[in-house]
């Protein structure tokens, strides 16, 4: 299981630049959490990178993520990677989040998207962003309305981390890839 092959697979199935960036954002957040927990950053990163690779072709539940899981199985991806990807879908009742990797993916998925949306409306992008400003945006029902706020809260709870600390952790992770994610703001450096 190598990142180059996972990235090629993601590109093969995903044309949308915004969806690609989302998967890259979740990848980097997962890598940071893996290091935090003493786990394998490459393995966790691949889970983040591939968690939505099937979404454009099969956006409807339960096809997403089951179609992708079947493809990953055929390609020989490890069972725990496939399971983590399946477990990020709340509607798959037979795939509860069990491992820390499963819980981290769920906790990072929607939050990475929400933080990205927050960064897009700031002149400095993600630079200097704090959890407090993200929490404020969470209260604005019209902002990034498609992101269920309860999922953001539940993700941190399931992972066993304070919500503010979790938000800041993911902000810090995404900051390391700000240019590639398109959330660098008006910076020219």
N, C-alpha and C. Protein backbone atom coordinates (compact mmCIF):
# COMPACT_ATOMS: atom_id res chain seq x y z
N UNK A 1 0.85 -1.17 0.00
CA UNK A 1 0.00 0.00 0.00
C UNK A 1 0.90 1.23 0.00
N UNK A 2 0.87 1.96 -1.11
CA UNK A 2 1.73 3.13 -1.24
C UNK A 2 0.91 4.36 -1.58
N UNK A 3 1.38 5.50 -1.10
CA UNK A 3 0.66 6.75 -1.31
C UNK A 3 0.53 7.09 -2.79
N UNK A 4 1.58 6.88 -3.57
CA UNK A 4 1.52 7.21 -5.00
C UNK A 4 0.37 6.46 -5.69
N UNK A 5 0.21 5.20 -5.37
CA UNK A 5 -0.86 4.40 -5.97
C UNK A 5 -2.22 4.89 -5.49
N UNK A 6 -2.32 5.23 -4.22
CA UNK A 6 -3.58 5.74 -3.66
C UNK A 6 -3.94 7.08 -4.31
N UNK A 7 -2.95 7.94 -4.48
CA UNK A 7 -3.19 9.24 -5.12
C UNK A 7 -3.64 9.05 -6.57
N UNK A 8 -3.02 8.13 -7.28
CA UNK A 8 -3.42 7.86 -8.67
C UNK A 8 -4.86 7.34 -8.72
N UNK A 9 -5.23 6.48 -7.79
CA UNK A 9 -6.59 5.96 -7.71
C UNK A 9 -7.58 7.09 -7.44
N UNK A 10 -7.24 7.96 -6.52
CA UNK A 10 -8.10 9.10 -6.22
C UNK A 10 -8.30 9.96 -7.46
N UNK A 11 -7.22 10.23 -8.19
CA UNK A 11 -7.31 11.04 -9.41
C UNK A 11 -8.12 10.33 -10.50
N UNK A 12 -7.98 9.02 -10.58
CA UNK A 12 -8.72 8.26 -11.59
C UNK A 12 -10.23 8.38 -11.40
N UNK A 13 -10.67 8.39 -10.15
CA UNK A 13 -12.10 8.39 -9.85
C UNK A 13 -12.67 9.76 -9.53
N UNK A 14 -11.83 10.76 -9.33
CA UNK A 14 -12.31 12.06 -8.87
C UNK A 14 -11.79 13.17 -9.78
N UNK A 15 -12.71 13.83 -10.47
CA UNK A 15 -12.35 14.94 -11.34
C UNK A 15 -12.43 16.28 -10.62
N UNK A 16 -13.32 16.39 -9.65
CA UNK A 16 -13.55 17.66 -8.96
C UNK A 16 -12.32 18.08 -8.14
N UNK A 17 -11.82 19.28 -8.46
CA UNK A 17 -10.66 19.79 -7.73
C UNK A 17 -11.00 20.03 -6.26
N UNK A 18 -12.21 20.49 -5.98
CA UNK A 18 -12.57 20.74 -4.58
C UNK A 18 -12.67 19.44 -3.79
N UNK A 19 -13.17 18.38 -4.41
CA UNK A 19 -13.24 17.09 -3.72
C UNK A 19 -11.84 16.51 -3.53
N UNK A 20 -10.98 16.69 -4.52
CA UNK A 20 -9.59 16.24 -4.37
C UNK A 20 -8.92 16.96 -3.21
N UNK A 21 -9.13 18.27 -3.14
CA UNK A 21 -8.54 19.04 -2.05
C UNK A 21 -9.09 18.61 -0.70
N UNK A 22 -10.38 18.28 -0.68
CA UNK A 22 -10.96 17.80 0.58
C UNK A 22 -10.26 16.52 1.03
N UNK A 23 -10.05 15.60 0.10
CA UNK A 23 -9.40 14.34 0.48
C UNK A 23 -7.95 14.57 0.90
N UNK A 24 -7.27 15.52 0.27
CA UNK A 24 -5.91 15.86 0.70
C UNK A 24 -5.93 16.48 2.10
N UNK A 25 -6.94 17.29 2.39
CA UNK A 25 -7.06 17.89 3.72
C UNK A 25 -7.28 16.81 4.79
N UNK A 26 -8.15 15.87 4.50
CA UNK A 26 -8.40 14.80 5.47
C UNK A 26 -7.15 13.93 5.61
N UNK A 27 -6.44 13.72 4.50
CA UNK A 27 -5.19 12.96 4.56
C UNK A 27 -4.21 13.60 5.54
N UNK A 28 -3.97 14.90 5.41
CA UNK A 28 -2.97 15.54 6.26
C UNK A 28 -3.44 15.58 7.72
N UNK A 29 -4.73 15.75 7.95
CA UNK A 29 -5.24 15.71 9.32
C UNK A 29 -5.05 14.32 9.92
N UNK A 30 -5.32 13.29 9.13
CA UNK A 30 -5.14 11.91 9.60
C UNK A 30 -3.67 11.61 9.88
N UNK A 31 -2.78 12.10 9.03
CA UNK A 31 -1.35 11.89 9.27
C UNK A 31 -0.92 12.52 10.59
N UNK A 32 -1.42 13.71 10.87
CA UNK A 32 -1.07 14.38 12.12
C UNK A 32 -1.62 13.61 13.33
N UNK A 33 -2.84 13.12 13.20
CA UNK A 33 -3.39 12.33 14.31
C UNK A 33 -2.61 11.02 14.48
N UNK A 34 -2.22 10.41 13.40
CA UNK A 34 -1.44 9.16 13.51
C UNK A 34 -0.17 9.41 14.31
N UNK A 35 0.53 10.48 13.99
CA UNK A 35 1.75 10.82 14.75
C UNK A 35 1.43 11.07 16.21
N UNK A 36 0.33 11.75 16.45
CA UNK A 36 -0.09 12.06 17.81
C UNK A 36 -0.35 10.78 18.62
N UNK A 37 -0.89 9.77 17.97
CA UNK A 37 -1.22 8.50 18.65
C UNK A 37 -0.13 7.44 18.50
N UNK A 38 0.98 7.79 17.88
CA UNK A 38 2.06 6.81 17.70
C UNK A 38 1.73 5.74 16.69
N UNK A 39 0.91 6.08 15.70
CA UNK A 39 0.50 5.13 14.65
C UNK A 39 1.21 5.46 13.34
N UNK A 40 0.92 4.71 12.31
CA UNK A 40 1.56 4.83 11.01
C UNK A 40 0.93 5.97 10.20
N UNK A 41 1.63 7.09 10.02
CA UNK A 41 1.06 8.23 9.29
C UNK A 41 0.72 7.91 7.83
N UNK A 42 1.50 7.04 7.19
CA UNK A 42 1.19 6.72 5.79
C UNK A 42 -0.13 5.95 5.68
N UNK A 43 -0.31 4.97 6.54
CA UNK A 43 -1.54 4.16 6.54
C UNK A 43 -2.76 5.04 6.83
N UNK A 44 -2.66 5.83 7.89
CA UNK A 44 -3.77 6.71 8.27
C UNK A 44 -4.01 7.75 7.18
N UNK A 45 -2.94 8.26 6.59
CA UNK A 45 -3.07 9.23 5.52
C UNK A 45 -3.80 8.66 4.32
N UNK A 46 -3.51 7.43 3.97
CA UNK A 46 -4.18 6.79 2.84
C UNK A 46 -5.67 6.62 3.11
N UNK A 47 -6.02 6.34 4.34
CA UNK A 47 -7.44 6.27 4.72
C UNK A 47 -8.11 7.62 4.44
N UNK A 48 -7.47 8.70 4.86
CA UNK A 48 -8.01 10.03 4.60
C UNK A 48 -8.05 10.37 3.12
N UNK A 49 -7.01 10.00 2.40
CA UNK A 49 -6.91 10.30 0.98
C UNK A 49 -7.98 9.58 0.17
N UNK A 50 -8.32 8.37 0.56
CA UNK A 50 -9.25 7.55 -0.24
C UNK A 50 -10.68 7.50 0.30
N UNK A 51 -10.96 8.16 1.41
CA UNK A 51 -12.26 7.97 2.03
C UNK A 51 -13.45 8.37 1.15
N UNK A 52 -13.25 9.30 0.23
CA UNK A 52 -14.34 9.75 -0.65
C UNK A 52 -14.02 9.55 -2.13
N UNK A 53 -13.04 8.71 -2.46
CA UNK A 53 -12.62 8.60 -3.86
C UNK A 53 -13.74 8.11 -4.77
N UNK A 54 -14.72 7.39 -4.23
CA UNK A 54 -15.82 6.86 -5.03
C UNK A 54 -17.03 7.79 -5.09
N UNK A 55 -16.98 8.90 -4.40
CA UNK A 55 -18.16 9.75 -4.21
C UNK A 55 -18.72 10.33 -5.51
N UNK A 56 -17.88 10.76 -6.42
CA UNK A 56 -18.39 11.34 -7.67
C UNK A 56 -19.17 10.32 -8.49
N UNK A 57 -18.71 9.11 -8.53
CA UNK A 57 -19.38 8.08 -9.34
C UNK A 57 -20.59 7.48 -8.63
N UNK A 58 -20.50 7.35 -7.32
CA UNK A 58 -21.59 6.74 -6.55
C UNK A 58 -21.90 7.60 -5.31
N UNK A 59 -22.54 8.74 -5.49
CA UNK A 59 -22.76 9.65 -4.36
C UNK A 59 -23.86 9.22 -3.40
N UNK A 60 -24.70 8.31 -3.82
CA UNK A 60 -25.85 7.95 -2.99
C UNK A 60 -25.54 6.80 -2.04
N UNK A 61 -26.05 6.92 -0.80
CA UNK A 61 -25.90 5.83 0.15
C UNK A 61 -26.71 4.63 -0.31
N UNK A 62 -26.29 3.44 -0.05
CA UNK A 62 -25.02 3.05 0.55
C UNK A 62 -23.91 2.82 -0.48
N UNK A 63 -24.19 3.19 -1.77
CA UNK A 63 -23.15 2.98 -2.79
C UNK A 63 -21.84 3.62 -2.37
N UNK A 64 -21.93 4.86 -1.84
CA UNK A 64 -20.75 5.48 -1.24
C UNK A 64 -20.84 5.20 0.25
N UNK A 65 -19.91 4.51 0.82
CA UNK A 65 -18.59 4.12 0.36
C UNK A 65 -18.45 2.64 -0.04
N UNK A 66 -19.56 1.94 -0.20
CA UNK A 66 -19.45 0.50 -0.47
C UNK A 66 -18.84 0.18 -1.83
N UNK A 67 -19.13 0.98 -2.85
CA UNK A 67 -18.51 0.74 -4.15
C UNK A 67 -17.00 0.91 -4.05
N UNK A 68 -16.58 1.96 -3.35
CA UNK A 68 -15.15 2.19 -3.17
C UNK A 68 -14.50 1.08 -2.36
N UNK A 69 -15.21 0.62 -1.34
CA UNK A 69 -14.67 -0.46 -0.50
C UNK A 69 -14.44 -1.72 -1.34
N UNK A 70 -15.37 -2.01 -2.25
CA UNK A 70 -15.22 -3.19 -3.11
C UNK A 70 -14.00 -3.04 -4.02
N UNK A 71 -13.83 -1.84 -4.57
CA UNK A 71 -12.66 -1.58 -5.44
C UNK A 71 -11.38 -1.75 -4.64
N UNK A 72 -11.34 -1.18 -3.44
CA UNK A 72 -10.14 -1.29 -2.61
C UNK A 72 -9.86 -2.75 -2.25
N UNK A 73 -10.91 -3.52 -2.00
CA UNK A 73 -10.74 -4.94 -1.72
C UNK A 73 -10.12 -5.68 -2.89
N UNK A 74 -10.62 -5.37 -4.10
CA UNK A 74 -10.08 -6.00 -5.31
C UNK A 74 -8.61 -5.64 -5.53
N UNK A 75 -8.24 -4.43 -5.10
CA UNK A 75 -6.86 -3.97 -5.27
C UNK A 75 -5.93 -4.44 -4.15
N UNK A 76 -6.49 -5.14 -3.17
CA UNK A 76 -5.68 -5.71 -2.10
C UNK A 76 -5.36 -4.77 -0.94
N UNK A 77 -6.16 -3.72 -0.77
CA UNK A 77 -5.94 -2.84 0.38
C UNK A 77 -6.28 -3.61 1.66
N UNK A 78 -5.60 -3.29 2.75
CA UNK A 78 -5.82 -3.99 4.02
C UNK A 78 -7.25 -3.80 4.54
N UNK A 79 -7.72 -4.83 5.24
CA UNK A 79 -9.08 -4.81 5.77
C UNK A 79 -9.33 -3.64 6.70
N UNK A 80 -8.34 -3.28 7.54
CA UNK A 80 -8.58 -2.19 8.49
C UNK A 80 -8.71 -0.84 7.78
N UNK A 81 -8.03 -0.67 6.67
CA UNK A 81 -8.14 0.56 5.87
C UNK A 81 -9.53 0.63 5.25
N UNK A 82 -9.97 -0.47 4.67
CA UNK A 82 -11.29 -0.53 4.04
C UNK A 82 -12.38 -0.31 5.09
N UNK A 83 -12.24 -0.95 6.24
CA UNK A 83 -13.24 -0.82 7.29
C UNK A 83 -13.33 0.63 7.78
N UNK A 84 -12.19 1.28 7.98
CA UNK A 84 -12.20 2.67 8.44
C UNK A 84 -12.96 3.55 7.45
N UNK A 85 -12.72 3.33 6.17
CA UNK A 85 -13.40 4.12 5.14
C UNK A 85 -14.90 3.84 5.18
N UNK A 86 -15.28 2.60 5.31
CA UNK A 86 -16.71 2.28 5.41
C UNK A 86 -17.34 2.89 6.66
N UNK A 87 -16.59 2.91 7.75
CA UNK A 87 -17.16 3.35 9.02
C UNK A 87 -17.40 4.86 9.10
N UNK A 88 -16.90 5.62 8.13
CA UNK A 88 -17.16 7.06 8.18
C UNK A 88 -18.57 7.40 7.73
N UNK A 89 -19.30 6.41 7.22
CA UNK A 89 -20.69 6.61 6.80
C UNK A 89 -21.63 6.20 7.94
N UNK A 90 -22.32 7.17 8.51
CA UNK A 90 -23.24 6.88 9.62
C UNK A 90 -24.34 5.89 9.27
N UNK A 91 -24.72 5.85 8.01
CA UNK A 91 -25.84 5.01 7.60
C UNK A 91 -25.48 3.54 7.44
N UNK A 92 -24.22 3.18 7.58
CA UNK A 92 -23.83 1.77 7.53
C UNK A 92 -23.80 1.23 8.96
N UNK A 93 -24.93 0.76 9.41
CA UNK A 93 -25.07 0.33 10.81
C UNK A 93 -24.19 -0.86 11.16
N UNK A 94 -23.79 -1.65 10.16
CA UNK A 94 -22.96 -2.81 10.44
C UNK A 94 -21.46 -2.45 10.46
N UNK A 95 -21.16 -1.16 10.42
CA UNK A 95 -19.76 -0.69 10.46
C UNK A 95 -19.57 0.38 11.53
N UNK A 96 -19.77 0.01 12.78
CA UNK A 96 -19.54 1.02 13.82
C UNK A 96 -18.06 1.38 13.89
N UNK A 97 -17.79 2.60 14.30
CA UNK A 97 -16.39 3.03 14.44
C UNK A 97 -15.80 2.38 15.69
N UNK A 98 -14.79 1.55 15.49
CA UNK A 98 -14.21 0.78 16.58
C UNK A 98 -12.80 1.25 16.93
N UNK A 99 -11.95 1.34 15.94
CA UNK A 99 -10.54 1.68 16.19
C UNK A 99 -10.37 3.20 16.28
N UNK A 100 -9.23 3.60 16.80
CA UNK A 100 -8.91 5.03 16.85
C UNK A 100 -8.82 5.59 15.44
N UNK A 101 -8.31 4.80 14.49
CA UNK A 101 -8.24 5.24 13.10
C UNK A 101 -9.64 5.51 12.54
N UNK A 102 -10.59 4.62 12.83
CA UNK A 102 -11.98 4.81 12.38
C UNK A 102 -12.53 6.12 12.95
N UNK A 103 -12.33 6.31 14.23
CA UNK A 103 -12.87 7.49 14.92
C UNK A 103 -12.20 8.77 14.44
N UNK A 104 -10.91 8.71 14.17
CA UNK A 104 -10.20 9.90 13.68
C UNK A 104 -10.71 10.29 12.29
N UNK A 105 -10.96 9.32 11.43
CA UNK A 105 -11.47 9.65 10.10
C UNK A 105 -12.81 10.37 10.22
N UNK A 106 -13.70 9.83 11.01
CA UNK A 106 -15.00 10.46 11.18
C UNK A 106 -14.84 11.87 11.76
N UNK A 107 -13.97 12.01 12.73
CA UNK A 107 -13.77 13.30 13.39
C UNK A 107 -13.13 14.33 12.46
N UNK A 108 -12.30 13.89 11.55
CA UNK A 108 -11.59 14.82 10.66
C UNK A 108 -12.35 15.14 9.38
N UNK A 109 -13.19 14.25 8.93
CA UNK A 109 -13.84 14.39 7.62
C UNK A 109 -14.62 15.70 7.50
N UNK A 110 -15.71 15.82 8.20
CA UNK A 110 -16.56 17.02 8.09
C UNK A 110 -15.84 18.26 8.62
N UNK A 111 -15.03 18.09 9.66
CA UNK A 111 -14.33 19.23 10.23
C UNK A 111 -13.33 19.82 9.24
N UNK A 112 -12.62 18.99 8.51
CA UNK A 112 -11.67 19.50 7.51
C UNK A 112 -12.41 20.34 6.47
N UNK A 113 -13.57 19.88 6.06
CA UNK A 113 -14.36 20.66 5.10
C UNK A 113 -14.85 21.97 5.68
N UNK A 114 -15.28 21.93 6.93
CA UNK A 114 -15.78 23.15 7.57
C UNK A 114 -14.65 24.16 7.78
N UNK A 115 -13.51 23.69 8.23
CA UNK A 115 -12.36 24.59 8.42
C UNK A 115 -11.93 25.19 7.08
N UNK A 116 -11.95 24.40 6.03
CA UNK A 116 -11.62 24.90 4.71
C UNK A 116 -12.57 26.02 4.32
N UNK A 117 -13.87 25.82 4.55
CA UNK A 117 -14.85 26.86 4.24
C UNK A 117 -14.57 28.13 5.04
N UNK A 118 -14.23 27.97 6.31
CA UNK A 118 -13.89 29.12 7.15
C UNK A 118 -12.68 29.85 6.59
N UNK A 119 -11.67 29.11 6.18
CA UNK A 119 -10.44 29.71 5.67
C UNK A 119 -10.68 30.47 4.37
N UNK A 120 -11.61 29.97 3.57
CA UNK A 120 -11.88 30.59 2.26
C UNK A 120 -12.45 32.00 2.39
N UNK A 121 -13.05 32.32 3.51
CA UNK A 121 -13.66 33.65 3.67
C UNK A 121 -12.79 34.60 4.48
N UNK A 122 -11.58 34.17 4.82
CA UNK A 122 -10.66 35.01 5.59
C UNK A 122 -9.56 35.55 4.68
N UNK A 123 -9.22 36.83 4.83
CA UNK A 123 -8.15 37.39 3.99
C UNK A 123 -6.83 36.63 4.10
N UNK A 124 -6.50 36.15 5.30
CA UNK A 124 -5.27 35.40 5.51
C UNK A 124 -5.47 33.89 5.37
N UNK A 125 -6.63 33.49 4.88
CA UNK A 125 -6.90 32.07 4.74
C UNK A 125 -6.84 31.37 6.08
N UNK A 126 -6.17 30.27 6.14
CA UNK A 126 -6.09 29.50 7.37
C UNK A 126 -5.06 30.06 8.34
N UNK A 127 -4.18 30.91 7.86
CA UNK A 127 -3.10 31.42 8.70
C UNK A 127 -3.65 32.28 9.85
N UNK A 128 -3.27 31.94 11.04
CA UNK A 128 -3.71 32.65 12.23
C UNK A 128 -5.10 32.27 12.70
N UNK A 129 -5.73 31.32 12.04
CA UNK A 129 -7.07 30.90 12.44
C UNK A 129 -7.01 30.20 13.79
N UNK A 130 -8.03 30.42 14.59
CA UNK A 130 -8.14 29.82 15.92
C UNK A 130 -9.46 29.08 16.04
N UNK A 131 -9.48 28.14 16.94
CA UNK A 131 -10.70 27.35 17.17
C UNK A 131 -11.89 28.24 17.50
N UNK A 132 -11.64 29.31 18.22
CA UNK A 132 -12.73 30.21 18.62
C UNK A 132 -13.49 30.75 17.41
N UNK A 133 -12.76 31.12 16.35
CA UNK A 133 -13.44 31.66 15.16
C UNK A 133 -14.22 30.56 14.43
N UNK A 134 -13.72 29.34 14.45
CA UNK A 134 -14.44 28.22 13.84
C UNK A 134 -15.70 27.94 14.64
N UNK A 135 -15.61 27.97 15.95
CA UNK A 135 -16.80 27.75 16.80
C UNK A 135 -17.85 28.81 16.53
N UNK A 136 -17.41 30.04 16.31
CA UNK A 136 -18.35 31.12 16.01
C UNK A 136 -19.07 30.84 14.69
N UNK A 137 -18.33 30.38 13.68
CA UNK A 137 -18.94 30.05 12.39
C UNK A 137 -19.90 28.85 12.51
N UNK A 138 -19.61 27.95 13.44
CA UNK A 138 -20.49 26.80 13.66
C UNK A 138 -21.88 27.25 14.09
N UNK A 139 -21.97 28.39 14.76
CA UNK A 139 -23.26 28.91 15.23
C UNK A 139 -24.05 29.58 14.12
N UNK A 140 -23.38 29.96 13.04
CA UNK A 140 -24.05 30.61 11.91
C UNK A 140 -24.66 29.53 11.01
N UNK A 141 -25.96 29.33 11.15
CA UNK A 141 -26.62 28.23 10.44
C UNK A 141 -26.50 28.31 8.92
N UNK A 142 -26.41 29.52 8.38
CA UNK A 142 -26.33 29.69 6.93
C UNK A 142 -24.94 29.46 6.37
N UNK A 143 -23.93 29.44 7.22
CA UNK A 143 -22.56 29.25 6.77
C UNK A 143 -22.26 27.76 6.63
N UNK A 144 -21.79 27.36 5.46
CA UNK A 144 -21.48 25.94 5.19
C UNK A 144 -22.61 25.06 5.72
N UNK A 145 -23.81 25.42 5.30
CA UNK A 145 -25.03 24.79 5.83
C UNK A 145 -25.09 23.28 5.62
N UNK A 146 -24.38 22.77 4.63
CA UNK A 146 -24.41 21.33 4.36
C UNK A 146 -23.63 20.52 5.39
N UNK A 147 -22.82 21.18 6.21
CA UNK A 147 -22.03 20.47 7.21
C UNK A 147 -22.85 20.34 8.49
N UNK A 148 -23.22 19.11 8.86
CA UNK A 148 -23.99 18.91 10.09
C UNK A 148 -23.14 19.20 11.33
N UNK A 149 -23.54 20.20 12.06
CA UNK A 149 -22.77 20.61 13.25
C UNK A 149 -22.68 19.48 14.27
N UNK A 150 -23.73 18.69 14.36
CA UNK A 150 -23.72 17.59 15.34
C UNK A 150 -22.64 16.56 14.99
N UNK A 151 -22.32 16.42 13.70
CA UNK A 151 -21.24 15.50 13.30
C UNK A 151 -19.88 16.03 13.77
N UNK A 152 -19.70 17.34 13.73
CA UNK A 152 -18.45 17.93 14.21
C UNK A 152 -18.27 17.66 15.69
N UNK A 153 -19.35 17.84 16.43
CA UNK A 153 -19.31 17.64 17.88
C UNK A 153 -19.15 16.16 18.21
N UNK A 154 -19.94 15.31 17.55
CA UNK A 154 -19.88 13.86 17.81
C UNK A 154 -18.50 13.29 17.46
N UNK A 155 -17.89 13.80 16.39
CA UNK A 155 -16.58 13.31 15.99
C UNK A 155 -15.54 13.50 17.08
N UNK A 156 -15.52 14.69 17.67
CA UNK A 156 -14.57 14.96 18.76
C UNK A 156 -14.89 14.10 19.97
N UNK A 157 -16.18 13.98 20.29
CA UNK A 157 -16.59 13.16 21.45
C UNK A 157 -16.17 11.71 21.26
N UNK A 158 -16.45 11.15 20.08
CA UNK A 158 -16.11 9.75 19.82
C UNK A 158 -14.60 9.51 19.88
N UNK A 159 -13.84 10.50 19.45
CA UNK A 159 -12.38 10.39 19.47
C UNK A 159 -11.84 10.62 20.88
N UNK A 160 -12.68 11.18 21.74
CA UNK A 160 -12.27 11.41 23.12
C UNK A 160 -11.40 12.63 23.30
N UNK A 161 -11.62 13.65 22.47
CA UNK A 161 -10.83 14.88 22.56
C UNK A 161 -11.76 16.07 22.75
N UNK A 162 -11.26 17.09 23.39
CA UNK A 162 -11.99 18.33 23.56
C UNK A 162 -12.24 18.95 22.18
N UNK A 163 -13.44 19.45 21.95
CA UNK A 163 -13.78 19.98 20.63
C UNK A 163 -12.86 21.13 20.23
N UNK A 164 -12.60 22.07 21.13
CA UNK A 164 -11.72 23.19 20.78
C UNK A 164 -10.31 22.71 20.44
N UNK A 165 -9.80 21.76 21.20
CA UNK A 165 -8.46 21.22 20.93
C UNK A 165 -8.45 20.48 19.59
N UNK A 166 -9.51 19.75 19.32
CA UNK A 166 -9.62 19.02 18.06
C UNK A 166 -9.63 19.99 16.88
N UNK A 167 -10.44 21.03 16.98
CA UNK A 167 -10.50 22.03 15.91
C UNK A 167 -9.13 22.64 15.68
N UNK A 168 -8.45 23.03 16.75
CA UNK A 168 -7.14 23.66 16.59
C UNK A 168 -6.12 22.67 16.02
N UNK A 169 -6.21 21.42 16.43
CA UNK A 169 -5.31 20.39 15.92
C UNK A 169 -5.46 20.26 14.40
N UNK A 170 -6.71 20.23 13.93
CA UNK A 170 -6.96 20.08 12.50
C UNK A 170 -6.56 21.36 11.76
N UNK A 171 -6.82 22.52 12.34
CA UNK A 171 -6.36 23.78 11.73
C UNK A 171 -4.84 23.72 11.54
N UNK A 172 -4.14 23.35 12.59
CA UNK A 172 -2.67 23.30 12.52
C UNK A 172 -2.21 22.30 11.46
N UNK A 173 -2.89 21.17 11.34
CA UNK A 173 -2.53 20.19 10.32
C UNK A 173 -2.76 20.75 8.92
N UNK A 174 -3.91 21.36 8.69
CA UNK A 174 -4.22 21.89 7.36
C UNK A 174 -3.31 23.05 6.98
N UNK A 175 -2.85 23.79 7.97
CA UNK A 175 -1.95 24.91 7.70
C UNK A 175 -0.68 24.44 7.00
N UNK A 176 -0.24 23.24 7.30
CA UNK A 176 0.99 22.71 6.69
C UNK A 176 0.84 22.47 5.19
N UNK A 177 -0.39 22.44 4.71
CA UNK A 177 -0.65 22.16 3.30
C UNK A 177 -1.52 23.27 2.68
N UNK A 178 -1.46 24.46 3.27
CA UNK A 178 -2.37 25.56 2.91
C UNK A 178 -2.37 25.90 1.42
N UNK A 179 -1.22 25.99 0.81
CA UNK A 179 -1.15 26.36 -0.60
C UNK A 179 -1.82 25.31 -1.47
N UNK A 180 -1.49 24.04 -1.26
CA UNK A 180 -2.07 22.95 -2.05
C UNK A 180 -3.57 22.84 -1.86
N UNK A 181 -4.05 23.22 -0.68
CA UNK A 181 -5.47 23.13 -0.38
C UNK A 181 -6.25 24.38 -0.83
N UNK A 182 -5.53 25.39 -1.30
CA UNK A 182 -6.18 26.61 -1.76
C UNK A 182 -6.71 27.48 -0.63
N UNK A 183 -6.08 27.36 0.55
CA UNK A 183 -6.56 28.12 1.71
C UNK A 183 -5.45 29.00 2.30
N UNK A 184 -4.60 29.47 1.41
CA UNK A 184 -3.46 30.29 1.80
C UNK A 184 -3.82 31.77 1.92
N UNK A 185 -5.05 32.13 1.56
CA UNK A 185 -5.47 33.52 1.64
C UNK A 185 -4.79 34.37 0.58
N UNK A 186 -4.59 35.62 0.92
CA UNK A 186 -4.01 36.58 -0.03
C UNK A 186 -2.49 36.63 0.05
N UNK A 187 -1.89 35.62 0.63
CA UNK A 187 -0.42 35.60 0.79
C UNK A 187 0.26 35.41 -0.55
N UNK A 188 1.36 36.10 -0.69
CA UNK A 188 2.12 35.92 -1.93
C UNK A 188 3.44 35.21 -1.69
N UNK A 189 3.67 34.82 -0.41
CA UNK A 189 4.95 34.17 -0.11
C UNK A 189 4.91 32.69 -0.34
